[in-house]
Amino acid sequence: MVDYALTYHVEGERRQPSREIYEQIARQVELADRLGFAHAWFGEHHAHAHLGHAPHPILFALHLAGRTKRIHLGAAVLTINLHHPVAMAEQIAMADVLSSGRMSLGLGTGSSPAELALYGVEMSEAERRVRFVEMLDLFEAAWRGEPLDVNGQSVRVKSAPLLPLPERDLREALWIGANSLGSARLAGERGYGLQLSNLRTVPQLRDLIAAYYEGRAASARELGPERIAASAPFYVADTDERALDEFTPALDGLMRENRRSLPELGDGPRPTTPREQVVALRFSVGSPARVRDELLELRDKLGFTTLNLRPRWLGLTQQQVERSIERFWLEVRPALDAAWG
């Protein structure tokens, strides 16, 4: 069985009031909660990196916990290396208690160079990985209620047990956002979920999934069910033609961003028509039947357990995004569930 998530970078132009963006997304998450989505995840970005307006996703998740009933809320991803490990351990535990166990948090090792510089973080990739693992070790010890006595390469903490204590095993709430084989393997070893980006090719994603399973096979821990979240940016309308027409205002910015993030797009002829651009971006844009077929094909290739859908794009109206979310749930999801059992 597959469950469904929505994910947001909480994007907007710098001059757009953040409150306006938060309210738009809140309405979409409230709709997702009523429909039955399992998760809503928010990206962490600082100083308007990647157009983001949400520097602290846990705060946004807590706000939305008060406006929803069932949906799990959190991040894709929290860049924990930017923050003090004790502060992060406390905030995650407190947020989970206050939300009645509804935190769902992807964790990542890095961020953009500008964001790292903003926080005064100067670490090599290897140093970031060491700190990341040491922070995870501290988190788990703190959430077990143990006194902290950590003297690692990067994390050094000596403390009485932290409060609050979570009311469940928070490993069940954690995912690792992996763009490297090492991070994917780590997610498997620790029994966390694996969050995958759309900004990777299918062969790269398969390699990450294989590393995740290698980590699970090598783990000495008692592991829960596997959790793999594959990203599927989408827009669905009643026909292919209408979907492309309505989505076209978002395409220019998306193509520029993908050429920056995926240089391999520049190896061949540049796509020119809207349909060619959507294919190059690996987005599902079209009628319910087209989106259904493309997502069925994606699962055949990746075998994910969570379908992570990104619904909101600059250039779309609030009404269009909400209608797309609802149409996915009512017209696409039933066919996916029937196929996936």
C-alpha atoms as a PDB file:
ATOM      1  CA  MET A   1       0.000   0.000   0.000  1.00  0.00           C
ATOM      2  CA  VAL A   2       1.247   3.487  -0.859  1.00  0.00           C
ATOM      3  CA  ASP A   3       0.507   6.592   1.163  1.00  0.00           C
ATOM      4  CA  TYR A   4       0.520  10.163  -0.122  1.00  0.00           C
ATOM      5  CA  ALA A   5       2.373  13.312   0.892  1.00  0.00           C
ATOM      6  CA  LEU A   6       2.414  16.930  -0.234  1.00  0.00           C
ATOM      7  CA  THR A   7       5.654  18.893  -0.155  1.00  0.00           C
ATOM      8  CA  TYR A   8       6.338  22.617  -0.361  1.00  0.00           C
ATOM      9  CA  HIS A   9       9.386  24.843  -0.674  1.00  0.00           C
ATOM     10  CA  VAL A  10       7.130  27.646   0.640  1.00  0.00           C
ATOM     11  CA  GLU A  11       8.138  29.794  -2.310  1.00  0.00           C
ATOM     12  CA  GLY A  12       7.304  33.361  -3.158  1.00  0.00           C
ATOM     13  CA  GLU A  13       8.869  36.531  -4.447  1.00  0.00           C
ATOM     14  CA  ARG A  14      10.808  38.488  -1.843  1.00  0.00           C
ATOM     15  CA  ARG A  15       8.306  41.338  -1.896  1.00  0.00           C
ATOM     16  CA  GLN A  16       5.312  39.028  -1.351  1.00  0.00           C
ATOM     17  CA  PRO A  17       4.150  39.078   2.290  1.00  0.00           C
ATOM     18  CA  SER A  18       5.140  35.831   4.015  1.00  0.00           C
ATOM     19  CA  ARG A  19       1.795  35.706   5.814  1.00  0.00           C
ATOM     20  CA  GLU A  20       0.037  35.543   2.439  1.00  0.00           C
ATOM     21  CA  ILE A  21       2.155  32.572   1.360  1.00  0.00           C
ATOM     22  CA  TYR A  22       1.662  30.785   4.685  1.00  0.00           C
ATOM     23  CA  GLU A  23      -2.101  31.208   4.454  1.00  0.00           C
ATOM     24  CA  GLN A  24      -2.246  29.897   0.889  1.00  0.00           C
ATOM     25  CA  ILE A  25      -0.344  26.770   1.863  1.00  0.00           C
ATOM     26  CA  ALA A  26      -2.309  26.372   5.094  1.00  0.00           C
ATOM     27  CA  ARG A  27      -5.539  26.233   3.095  1.00  0.00           C
ATOM     28  CA  GLN A  28      -4.028  23.576   0.833  1.00  0.00           C
ATOM     29  CA  VAL A  29      -2.850  21.498   3.793  1.00  0.00           C
ATOM     30  CA  GLU A  30      -6.273  21.780   5.435  1.00  0.00           C
ATOM     31  CA  LEU A  31      -7.757  20.446   2.202  1.00  0.00           C
ATOM     32  CA  ALA A  32      -5.201  17.619   2.141  1.00  0.00           C
ATOM     33  CA  ASP A  33      -6.057  16.760   5.747  1.00  0.00           C
ATOM     34  CA  ARG A  34      -9.767  16.527   4.919  1.00  0.00           C
ATOM     35  CA  LEU A  35      -9.046  14.373   1.880  1.00  0.00           C
ATOM     36  CA  GLY A  36      -6.732  11.942   3.669  1.00  0.00           C
ATOM     37  CA  PHE A  37      -3.133  12.727   2.702  1.00  0.00           C
ATOM     38  CA  ALA A  38      -0.656  11.191   5.153  1.00  0.00           C
ATOM     39  CA  HIS A  39       2.020  13.920   5.294  1.00  0.00           C
ATOM     40  CA  ALA A  40       2.715  17.555   4.445  1.00  0.00           C
ATOM     41  CA  TRP A  41       6.396  18.531   4.308  1.00  0.00           C
ATOM     42  CA  PHE A  42       8.083  21.950   4.088  1.00  0.00           C
ATOM     43  CA  GLY A  43      11.584  22.905   2.993  1.00  0.00           C
ATOM     44  CA  GLU A  44      13.995  24.891   5.164  1.00  0.00           C
ATOM     45  CA  HIS A  45      15.522  27.896   3.380  1.00  0.00           C
ATOM     46  CA  HIS A  46      17.120  31.047   4.738  1.00  0.00           C
ATOM     47  CA  ALA A  47      17.479  34.584   3.364  1.00  0.00           C
ATOM     48  CA  HIS A  48      15.189  33.761   0.419  1.00  0.00           C
ATOM     49  CA  ALA A  49      17.395  30.966  -0.939  1.00  0.00           C
ATOM     50  CA  HIS A  50      15.393  29.042  -3.561  1.00  0.00           C
ATOM     51  CA  LEU A  51      12.668  31.691  -3.093  1.00  0.00           C
ATOM     52  CA  GLY A  52      11.848  30.156   0.301  1.00  0.00           C
ATOM     53  CA  HIS A  53       9.878  31.951   3.016  1.00  0.00           C
ATOM     54  CA  ALA A  54      10.104  29.227   5.712  1.00  0.00           C
ATOM     55  CA  PRO A  55      13.427  29.313   7.583  1.00  0.00           C
ATOM     56  CA  HIS A  56      12.030  27.138  10.399  1.00  0.00           C
ATOM     57  CA  PRO A  57       9.618  24.443   9.135  1.00  0.00           C
ATOM     58  CA  ILE A  58       8.900  23.078  12.608  1.00  0.00           C
ATOM     59  CA  LEU A  59       7.227  26.365  13.525  1.00  0.00           C
ATOM     60  CA  PHE A  60       5.040  26.182  10.434  1.00  0.00           C
ATOM     61  CA  ALA A  61       4.254  22.519  11.112  1.00  0.00           C
ATOM     62  CA  LEU A  62       3.167  23.349  14.658  1.00  0.00           C
ATOM     63  CA  HIS A  63       0.946  26.158  13.421  1.00  0.00           C
ATOM     64  CA  LEU A  64      -0.703  23.777  10.971  1.00  0.00           C
ATOM     65  CA  ALA A  65      -1.116  21.086  13.629  1.00  0.00           C
ATOM     66  CA  GLY A  66      -3.591  23.444  15.264  1.00  0.00           C
ATOM     67  CA  ARG A  67      -5.551  23.759  12.012  1.00  0.00           C
ATOM     68  CA  THR A  68      -5.661  20.061  11.055  1.00  0.00           C
ATOM     69  CA  LYS A  69      -6.693  16.783  12.635  1.00  0.00           C
ATOM     70  CA  ARG A  70      -4.864  13.806  11.149  1.00  0.00           C
ATOM     71  CA  ILE A  71      -2.166  14.724   8.669  1.00  0.00           C
ATOM     72  CA  HIS A  72       1.469  14.346   9.770  1.00  0.00           C
ATOM     73  CA  LEU A  73       3.498  17.537   9.396  1.00  0.00           C
ATOM     74  CA  GLY A  74       7.154  18.365   9.145  1.00  0.00           C
ATOM     75  CA  ALA A  75      10.028  18.895   6.785  1.00  0.00           C
ATOM     76  CA  ALA A  76      11.690  17.892   3.571  1.00  0.00           C
ATOM     77  CA  VAL A  77      14.206  18.675   4.817  1.00  0.00           C
ATOM     78  CA  LEU A  78      15.542  20.173   8.053  1.00  0.00           C
ATOM     79  CA  THR A  79      19.205  21.092   7.530  1.00  0.00           C
ATOM     80  CA  ILE A  80      20.224  20.107  11.034  1.00  0.00           C
ATOM     81  CA  ASN A  81      23.935  20.883  10.570  1.00  0.00           C
ATOM     82  CA  LEU A  82      23.009  24.570  10.691  1.00  0.00           C
ATOM     83  CA  HIS A  83      21.710  24.218  14.249  1.00  0.00           C
ATOM     84  CA  HIS A  84      22.858  23.254  17.739  1.00  0.00           C
ATOM     85  CA  PRO A  85      22.163  19.558  18.391  1.00  0.00           C
ATOM     86  CA  VAL A  86      20.559  20.122  21.808  1.00  0.00           C
ATOM     87  CA  ALA A  87      18.243  22.811  20.437  1.00  0.00           C
ATOM     88  CA  MET A  88      17.203  20.513  17.587  1.00  0.00           C
ATOM     89  CA  ALA A  89      16.619  17.507  19.855  1.00  0.00           C
ATOM     90  CA  GLU A  90      14.474  19.594  22.202  1.00  0.00           C
ATOM     91  CA  GLN A  91      12.484  21.275  19.430  1.00  0.00           C
ATOM     92  CA  ILE A  92      11.676  18.039  17.614  1.00  0.00           C
ATOM     93  CA  ALA A  93      10.581  16.291  20.820  1.00  0.00           C
ATOM     94  CA  MET A  94       8.487  19.261  21.968  1.00  0.00           C
ATOM     95  CA  ALA A  95       6.849  19.644  18.555  1.00  0.00           C
ATOM     96  CA  ASP A  96       5.900  15.970  18.493  1.00  0.00           C
ATOM     97  CA  VAL A  97       4.364  16.160  21.978  1.00  0.00           C
ATOM     98  CA  LEU A  98       2.416  19.337  21.149  1.00  0.00           C
ATOM     99  CA  SER A  99       1.143  17.874  17.872  1.00  0.00           C
ATOM    100  CA  SER A 100       0.018  14.616  19.537  1.00  0.00           C
ATOM    101  CA  GLY A 101       2.597  12.584  17.654  1.00  0.00           C
ATOM    102  CA  ARG A 102       2.104  14.116  14.213  1.00  0.00           C
ATOM    103  CA  MET A 103       5.646  15.203  13.357  1.00  0.00           C
ATOM    104  CA  SER A 104       7.152  13.705  10.174  1.00  0.00           C
ATOM    105  CA  LEU A 105      10.644  15.082   9.661  1.00  0.00           C
ATOM    106  CA  GLY A 106      13.139  14.694   6.861  1.00  0.00           C
ATOM    107  CA  LEU A 107      16.697  15.536   7.888  1.00  0.00           C
ATOM    108  CA  GLY A 108      19.540  16.589   5.605  1.00  0.00           C
ATOM    109  CA  THR A 109      23.298  17.041   5.899  1.00  0.00           C
ATOM    110  CA  GLY A 110      23.746  20.231   3.906  1.00  0.00           C
ATOM    111  CA  SER A 111      22.326  23.375   2.436  1.00  0.00           C
ATOM    112  CA  SER A 112      23.209  25.962  -0.185  1.00  0.00           C
ATOM    113  CA  PRO A 113      26.637  27.649   0.181  1.00  0.00           C
ATOM    114  CA  ALA A 114      24.930  30.982   0.926  1.00  0.00           C
ATOM    115  CA  GLU A 115      22.873  29.462   3.749  1.00  0.00           C
ATOM    116  CA  LEU A 116      25.890  27.702   5.238  1.00  0.00           C
ATOM    117  CA  ALA A 117      27.798  30.993   5.143  1.00  0.00           C
ATOM    118  CA  LEU A 118      24.860  32.838   6.731  1.00  0.00           C
ATOM    119  CA  TYR A 119      25.069  30.516   9.738  1.00  0.00           C
ATOM    120  CA  GLY A 120      28.866  30.605   9.826  1.00  0.00           C
ATOM    121  CA  VAL A 121      29.152  26.918   8.981  1.00  0.00           C
ATOM    122  CA  GLU A 122      32.462  26.061   7.343  1.00  0.00           C
ATOM    123  CA  MET A 123      32.715  22.303   6.940  1.00  0.00           C
ATOM    124  CA  SER A 124      33.774  19.968   4.176  1.00  0.00           C
ATOM    125  CA  GLU A 125      31.319  17.392   2.933  1.00  0.00           C
ATOM    126  CA  ALA A 126      33.060  14.745   5.049  1.00  0.00           C
ATOM    127  CA  GLU A 127      32.873  16.980   8.136  1.00  0.00           C
ATOM    128  CA  ARG A 128      29.172  17.649   7.541  1.00  0.00           C
ATOM    129  CA  ARG A 129      28.529  13.913   7.370  1.00  0.00           C
ATOM    130  CA  VAL A 130      30.396  13.271  10.634  1.00  0.00           C
ATOM    131  CA  ARG A 131      28.451  16.013  12.397  1.00  0.00           C
ATOM    132  CA  PHE A 132      25.169  14.731  10.965  1.00  0.00           C
ATOM    133  CA  VAL A 133      25.719  11.211  12.333  1.00  0.00           C
ATOM    134  CA  GLU A 134      26.832  12.533  15.718  1.00  0.00           C
ATOM    135  CA  MET A 135      23.705  14.693  15.912  1.00  0.00           C
ATOM    136  CA  LEU A 136      21.497  11.689  15.123  1.00  0.00           C
ATOM    137  CA  ASP A 137      23.221   9.723  17.891  1.00  0.00           C
ATOM    138  CA  LEU A 138      22.585  12.574  20.328  1.00  0.00           C
ATOM    139  CA  PHE A 139      18.937  12.858  19.258  1.00  0.00           C
ATOM    140  CA  GLU A 140      18.253   9.199  19.907  1.00  0.00           C
ATOM    141  CA  ALA A 141      20.016   9.203  23.287  1.00  0.00           C
ATOM    142  CA  ALA A 142      18.140  12.348  24.344  1.00  0.00           C
ATOM    143  CA  TRP A 143      14.778  10.921  23.287  1.00  0.00           C
ATOM    144  CA  ARG A 144      15.461   7.746  25.293  1.00  0.00           C
ATOM    145  CA  GLY A 145      15.787   9.976  28.360  1.00  0.00           C
ATOM    146  CA  GLU A 146      19.487   9.292  28.891  1.00  0.00           C
ATOM    147  CA  PRO A 147      22.032  11.723  30.366  1.00  0.00           C
ATOM    148  CA  LEU A 148      24.140  13.123  27.535  1.00  0.00           C
ATOM    149  CA  ASP A 149      27.888  12.611  27.498  1.00  0.00           C
ATOM    150  CA  VAL A 150      28.988  13.086  23.909  1.00  0.00           C
ATOM    151  CA  ASN A 151      32.579  13.852  22.974  1.00  0.00           C
ATOM    152  CA  GLY A 152      32.626  13.441  19.217  1.00  0.00           C
ATOM    153  CA  GLN A 153      34.652  15.076  16.471  1.00  0.00           C
ATOM    154  CA  SER A 154      31.999  17.765  16.008  1.00  0.00           C
ATOM    155  CA  VAL A 155      29.382  17.368  18.768  1.00  0.00           C
ATOM    156  CA  ARG A 156      30.427  17.764  22.397  1.00  0.00           C
ATOM    157  CA  VAL A 157      27.643  17.849  24.980  1.00  0.00           C
ATOM    158  CA  LYS A 158      27.465  16.868  28.642  1.00  0.00           C
ATOM    159  CA  SER A 159      24.027  17.281  30.206  1.00  0.00           C
ATOM    160  CA  ALA A 160      21.353  15.879  32.462  1.00  0.00           C
ATOM    161  CA  PRO A 161      18.493  14.227  30.519  1.00  0.00           C
ATOM    162  CA  LEU A 162      16.613  16.617  28.273  1.00  0.00           C
ATOM    163  CA  LEU A 163      12.917  17.423  28.406  1.00  0.00           C
ATOM    164  CA  PRO A 164      10.348  16.906  27.116  1.00  0.00           C
ATOM    165  CA  LEU A 165      10.490  13.182  26.500  1.00  0.00           C
ATOM    166  CA  PRO A 166       8.645  12.167  23.336  1.00  0.00           C
ATOM    167  CA  GLU A 167       5.635   9.928  23.778  1.00  0.00           C
ATOM    168  CA  ARG A 168       6.640   7.527  20.987  1.00  0.00           C
ATOM    169  CA  ASP A 169       9.786   6.221  19.316  1.00  0.00           C
ATOM    170  CA  LEU A 170      10.711   9.231  17.195  1.00  0.00           C
ATOM    171  CA  ARG A 171      12.740   7.120  14.801  1.00  0.00           C
ATOM    172  CA  GLU A 172       9.337   6.326  13.280  1.00  0.00           C
ATOM    173  CA  ALA A 173       8.961  10.048  12.483  1.00  0.00           C
ATOM    174  CA  LEU A 174      12.369  10.521  10.871  1.00  0.00           C
ATOM    175  CA  TRP A 175      13.445  10.399   7.251  1.00  0.00           C
ATOM    176  CA  ILE A 176      16.750  11.282   5.609  1.00  0.00           C
ATOM    177  CA  GLY A 177      16.681  13.387   2.478  1.00  0.00           C
ATOM    178  CA  ALA A 178      19.373  11.640   0.449  1.00  0.00           C
ATOM    179  CA  ASN A 179      21.232  12.850  -2.613  1.00  0.00           C
ATOM    180  CA  SER A 180      24.269  10.647  -1.960  1.00  0.00           C
ATOM    181  CA  LEU A 181      24.722   6.906  -1.596  1.00  0.00           C
ATOM    182  CA  GLY A 182      26.153   7.400   1.888  1.00  0.00           C
ATOM    183  CA  SER A 183      23.071   9.265   3.112  1.00  0.00           C
ATOM    184  CA  ALA A 184      20.742   6.680   1.562  1.00  0.00           C
ATOM    185  CA  ARG A 185      22.681   3.846   3.194  1.00  0.00           C
ATOM    186  CA  LEU A 186      22.588   5.677   6.529  1.00  0.00           C
ATOM    187  CA  ALA A 187      18.787   5.993   6.315  1.00  0.00           C
ATOM    188  CA  GLY A 188      18.543   2.248   5.860  1.00  0.00           C
ATOM    189  CA  GLU A 189      21.006   1.404   8.637  1.00  0.00           C
ATOM    190  CA  ARG A 190      19.161   3.529  11.186  1.00  0.00           C
ATOM    191  CA  GLY A 191      15.670   2.388  10.211  1.00  0.00           C
ATOM    192  CA  TYR A 192      14.562   5.837   9.052  1.00  0.00           C
ATOM    193  CA  GLY A 193      12.632   6.625   5.903  1.00  0.00           C
ATOM    194  CA  LEU A 194      14.315   7.698   2.663  1.00  0.00           C
ATOM    195  CA  GLN A 195      13.175  10.923   0.963  1.00  0.00           C
ATOM    196  CA  LEU A 196      14.208  11.250  -2.686  1.00  0.00           C
ATOM    197  CA  SER A 197      14.484  14.396  -4.786  1.00  0.00           C
ATOM    198  CA  ASN A 198      13.014  14.908  -8.230  1.00  0.00           C
ATOM    199  CA  LEU A 199      16.301  16.548  -9.246  1.00  0.00           C
ATOM    200  CA  ARG A 200      17.921  13.175  -9.969  1.00  0.00           C
ATOM    201  CA  THR A 201      17.615  10.817 -12.904  1.00  0.00           C
ATOM    202  CA  VAL A 202      15.787   7.519 -12.551  1.00  0.00           C
ATOM    203  CA  PRO A 203      19.080   5.528 -12.654  1.00  0.00           C
ATOM    204  CA  GLN A 204      20.469   7.760  -9.880  1.00  0.00           C
ATOM    205  CA  LEU A 205      17.318   7.240  -7.820  1.00  0.00           C
ATOM    206  CA  ARG A 206      17.556   3.485  -8.288  1.00  0.00           C
ATOM    207  CA  ASP A 207      21.141   3.575  -7.017  1.00  0.00           C
ATOM    208  CA  LEU A 208      20.014   5.509  -3.934  1.00  0.00           C
ATOM    209  CA  ILE A 209      17.230   3.017  -3.258  1.00  0.00           C
ATOM    210  CA  ALA A 210      19.670   0.118  -3.636  1.00  0.00           C
ATOM    211  CA  ALA A 211      21.999   1.800  -1.111  1.00  0.00           C
ATOM    212  CA  TYR A 212      19.063   2.211   1.273  1.00  0.00           C
ATOM    213  CA  TYR A 213      18.310  -1.502   1.120  1.00  0.00           C
ATOM    214  CA  GLU A 214      22.004  -2.290   1.561  1.00  0.00           C
ATOM    215  CA  GLY A 215      21.947  -0.225   4.736  1.00  0.00           C
ATOM    216  CA  ARG A 216      18.889  -2.061   6.043  1.00  0.00           C
ATOM    217  CA  ALA A 217      20.468  -5.439   5.271  1.00  0.00           C
ATOM    218  CA  ALA A 218      23.641  -4.495   7.138  1.00  0.00           C
ATOM    219  CA  SER A 219      21.890  -2.940  10.137  1.00  0.00           C
ATOM    220  CA  ALA A 220      22.145  -4.520  13.572  1.00  0.00           C
ATOM    221  CA  ARG A 221      19.006  -2.658  14.690  1.00  0.00           C
ATOM    222  CA  GLU A 222      15.475  -3.917  14.947  1.00  0.00           C
ATOM    223  CA  LEU A 223      13.931  -2.191  11.939  1.00  0.00           C
ATOM    224  CA  GLY A 224      10.385  -1.186  11.202  1.00  0.00           C
ATOM    225  CA  PRO A 225       8.843  -1.259   7.717  1.00  0.00           C
ATOM    226  CA  GLU A 226      10.792   0.210   4.827  1.00  0.00           C
ATOM    227  CA  ARG A 227       9.803   3.773   3.912  1.00  0.00           C
ATOM    228  CA  ILE A 228      10.767   5.290   0.553  1.00  0.00           C
ATOM    229  CA  ALA A 229       9.249   8.604  -0.561  1.00  0.00           C
ATOM    230  CA  ALA A 230       9.628   9.372  -4.265  1.00  0.00           C
ATOM    231  CA  SER A 231       9.035  12.937  -5.438  1.00  0.00           C
ATOM    232  CA  ALA A 232       6.451  13.554  -8.153  1.00  0.00           C
ATOM    233  CA  PRO A 233       5.800  17.204  -9.049  1.00  0.00           C
ATOM    234  CA  PHE A 234       2.383  17.334 -10.663  1.00  0.00           C
ATOM    235  CA  TYR A 235      -0.517  19.332 -11.998  1.00  0.00           C
ATOM    236  CA  VAL A 236      -3.797  17.725 -13.050  1.00  0.00           C
ATOM    237  CA  ALA A 237      -6.729  19.259 -14.909  1.00  0.00           C
ATOM    238  CA  ASP A 238      -9.665  17.761 -16.745  1.00  0.00           C
ATOM    239  CA  THR A 239      -7.784  17.439 -20.067  1.00  0.00           C
ATOM    240  CA  ASP A 240      -4.158  17.324 -21.196  1.00  0.00           C
ATOM    241  CA  GLU A 241      -4.626  20.513 -23.171  1.00  0.00           C
ATOM    242  CA  ARG A 242      -6.079  22.488 -20.275  1.00  0.00           C
ATOM    243  CA  ALA A 243      -3.432  21.196 -17.863  1.00  0.00           C
ATOM    244  CA  LEU A 244      -0.596  22.287 -20.160  1.00  0.00           C
ATOM    245  CA  ASP A 245      -2.227  25.631 -20.864  1.00  0.00           C
ATOM    246  CA  GLU A 246      -2.722  26.398 -17.175  1.00  0.00           C
ATOM    247  CA  PHE A 247       0.725  25.138 -16.188  1.00  0.00           C
ATOM    248  CA  THR A 248       2.661  26.994 -18.895  1.00  0.00           C
ATOM    249  CA  PRO A 249       3.141  30.224 -16.834  1.00  0.00           C
ATOM    250  CA  ALA A 250       5.214  28.200 -14.345  1.00  0.00           C
ATOM    251  CA  LEU A 251       7.476  26.600 -16.946  1.00  0.00           C
ATOM    252  CA  ASP A 252      10.050  29.324 -17.689  1.00  0.00           C
ATOM    253  CA  GLY A 253      11.192  29.612 -14.097  1.00  0.00           C
ATOM    254  CA  LEU A 254      11.184  25.846 -13.634  1.00  0.00           C
ATOM    255  CA  MET A 255      13.325  25.273 -16.715  1.00  0.00           C
ATOM    256  CA  ARG A 256      15.866  27.864 -15.542  1.00  0.00           C
ATOM    257  CA  GLU A 257      16.057  26.221 -12.110  1.00  0.00           C
ATOM    258  CA  ASN A 258      16.445  22.743 -13.548  1.00  0.00           C
ATOM    259  CA  ARG A 259      19.221  23.814 -15.915  1.00  0.00           C
ATOM    260  CA  ARG A 260      21.036  25.145 -12.851  1.00  0.00           C
ATOM    261  CA  SER A 261      20.368  22.050 -10.733  1.00  0.00           C
ATOM    262  CA  LEU A 262      20.684  19.447 -13.503  1.00  0.00           C
ATOM    263  CA  PRO A 263      23.394  20.521 -15.953  1.00  0.00           C
ATOM    264  CA  GLU A 264      22.864  17.319 -17.946  1.00  0.00           C
ATOM    265  CA  LEU A 265      19.711  18.899 -19.356  1.00  0.00           C
ATOM    266  CA  GLY A 266      22.002  21.038 -21.462  1.00  0.00           C
ATOM    267  CA  ASP A 267      23.720  18.061 -23.119  1.00  0.00           C
ATOM    268  CA  GLY A 268      21.165  17.776 -25.911  1.00  0.00           C
ATOM    269  CA  PRO A 269      18.694  19.993 -27.721  1.00  0.00           C
ATOM    270  CA  ARG A 270      16.723  22.197 -25.376  1.00  0.00           C
ATOM    271  CA  PRO A 271      13.027  21.383 -25.156  1.00  0.00           C
ATOM    272  CA  THR A 272      10.873  24.092 -26.682  1.00  0.00           C
ATOM    273  CA  THR A 273       7.198  23.083 -26.512  1.00  0.00           C
ATOM    274  CA  PRO A 274       5.387  22.957 -23.149  1.00  0.00           C
ATOM    275  CA  ARG A 275       5.011  19.166 -23.391  1.00  0.00           C
ATOM    276  CA  GLU A 276       8.717  18.722 -24.164  1.00  0.00           C
ATOM    277  CA  GLN A 277       9.583  20.939 -21.199  1.00  0.00           C
ATOM    278  CA  VAL A 278       7.316  18.998 -18.844  1.00  0.00           C
ATOM    279  CA  VAL A 279       8.911  15.730 -19.984  1.00  0.00           C
ATOM    280  CA  ALA A 280      12.398  17.182 -19.462  1.00  0.00           C
ATOM    281  CA  LEU A 281      11.434  18.276 -15.952  1.00  0.00           C
ATOM    282  CA  ARG A 282       9.950  14.817 -15.244  1.00  0.00           C
ATOM    283  CA  PHE A 283       6.711  16.392 -14.037  1.00  0.00           C
ATOM    284  CA  SER A 284       3.301  14.759 -14.348  1.00  0.00           C
ATOM    285  CA  VAL A 285       1.098  17.387 -15.989  1.00  0.00           C
ATOM    286  CA  GLY A 286      -2.107  16.418 -17.734  1.00  0.00           C
ATOM    287  CA  SER A 287      -5.474  14.756 -17.444  1.00  0.00           C
ATOM    288  CA  PRO A 288      -6.240  12.293 -14.635  1.00  0.00           C
ATOM    289  CA  ALA A 289      -5.573   9.417 -17.041  1.00  0.00           C
ATOM    290  CA  ARG A 290      -2.162  10.750 -18.094  1.00  0.00           C
ATOM    291  CA  VAL A 291      -1.073  11.519 -14.517  1.00  0.00           C
ATOM    292  CA  ARG A 292      -2.273   8.091 -13.387  1.00  0.00           C
ATOM    293  CA  ASP A 293      -0.309   6.291 -16.100  1.00  0.00           C
ATOM    294  CA  GLU A 294       2.875   8.279 -15.461  1.00  0.00           C
ATOM    295  CA  LEU A 295       2.742   7.637 -11.722  1.00  0.00           C
ATOM    296  CA  LEU A 296       2.090   3.939 -12.252  1.00  0.00           C
ATOM    297  CA  GLU A 297       5.181   3.856 -14.460  1.00  0.00           C
ATOM    298  CA  LEU A 298       7.212   5.710 -11.831  1.00  0.00           C
ATOM    299  CA  ARG A 299       6.381   3.151  -9.157  1.00  0.00           C
ATOM    300  CA  ASP A 300       7.238   0.310 -11.518  1.00  0.00           C
ATOM    301  CA  LYS A 301      10.693   1.889 -11.801  1.00  0.00           C
ATOM    302  CA  LEU A 302      11.253   2.877  -8.159  1.00  0.00           C
ATOM    303  CA  GLY A 303       9.009   0.780  -5.901  1.00  0.00           C
ATOM    304  CA  PHE A 304       8.333   3.629  -3.464  1.00  0.00           C
ATOM    305  CA  THR A 305       6.062   3.336  -0.412  1.00  0.00           C
ATOM    306  CA  THR A 306       5.137   7.055  -0.239  1.00  0.00           C
ATOM    307  CA  LEU A 307       4.249   9.214  -3.222  1.00  0.00           C
ATOM    308  CA  ASN A 308       5.498  12.714  -2.440  1.00  0.00           C
ATOM    309  CA  LEU A 309       3.520  15.156  -4.590  1.00  0.00           C
ATOM    310  CA  ARG A 310       4.572  18.769  -5.022  1.00  0.00           C
ATOM    311  CA  PRO A 311       1.463  20.744  -6.018  1.00  0.00           C
ATOM    312  CA  ARG A 312       2.268  24.468  -5.754  1.00  0.00           C
ATOM    313  CA  TRP A 313       4.175  26.419  -8.408  1.00  0.00           C
ATOM    314  CA  LEU A 314       4.697  30.118  -8.967  1.00  0.00           C
ATOM    315  CA  GLY A 315       2.452  31.043 -11.871  1.00  0.00           C
ATOM    316  CA  LEU A 316      -0.530  29.001 -10.679  1.00  0.00           C
ATOM    317  CA  THR A 317      -3.456  30.515  -8.801  1.00  0.00           C
ATOM    318  CA  GLN A 318      -4.624  29.312  -5.414  1.00  0.00           C
ATOM    319  CA  GLN A 319      -7.810  27.993  -6.999  1.00  0.00           C
ATOM    320  CA  GLN A 320      -5.852  26.040  -9.622  1.00  0.00           C
ATOM    321  CA  VAL A 321      -3.615  24.412  -7.009  1.00  0.00           C
ATOM    322  CA  GLU A 322      -6.514  23.434  -4.760  1.00  0.00           C
ATOM    323  CA  ARG A 323      -8.477  22.082  -7.710  1.00  0.00           C
ATOM    324  CA  SER A 324      -5.440  20.034  -8.815  1.00  0.00           C
ATOM    325  CA  ILE A 325      -4.980  18.549  -5.320  1.00  0.00           C
ATOM    326  CA  GLU A 326      -8.653  17.636  -5.104  1.00  0.00           C
ATOM    327  CA  ARG A 327      -8.767  16.201  -8.609  1.00  0.00           C
ATOM    328  CA  PHE A 328      -5.694  14.071  -7.870  1.00  0.00           C
ATOM    329  CA  TRP A 329      -7.318  12.653  -4.765  1.00  0.00           C
ATOM    330  CA  LEU A 330     -10.738  12.005  -6.257  1.00  0.00           C
ATOM    331  CA  GLU A 331      -9.856  11.046  -9.833  1.00  0.00           C
ATOM    332  CA  VAL A 332      -6.254   9.754  -9.850  1.00  0.00           C
ATOM    333  CA  ARG A 333      -5.654   8.190  -6.442  1.00  0.00           C
ATOM    334  CA  PRO A 334      -8.460   5.573  -6.604  1.00  0.00           C
ATOM    335  CA  ALA A 335      -6.923   4.067  -9.737  1.00  0.00           C
ATOM    336  CA  LEU A 336      -3.460   4.069  -8.154  1.00  0.00           C
ATOM    337  CA  ASP A 337      -4.763   2.382  -5.015  1.00  0.00           C
ATOM    338  CA  ALA A 338      -6.535  -0.244  -7.098  1.00  0.00           C
ATOM    339  CA  ALA A 339      -3.333  -0.990  -9.020  1.00  0.00           C
ATOM    340  CA  TRP A 340      -1.071  -0.990  -5.950  1.00  0.00           C
ATOM    341  CA  GLY A 341      -3.363  -2.896  -3.623  1.00  0.00           C
END
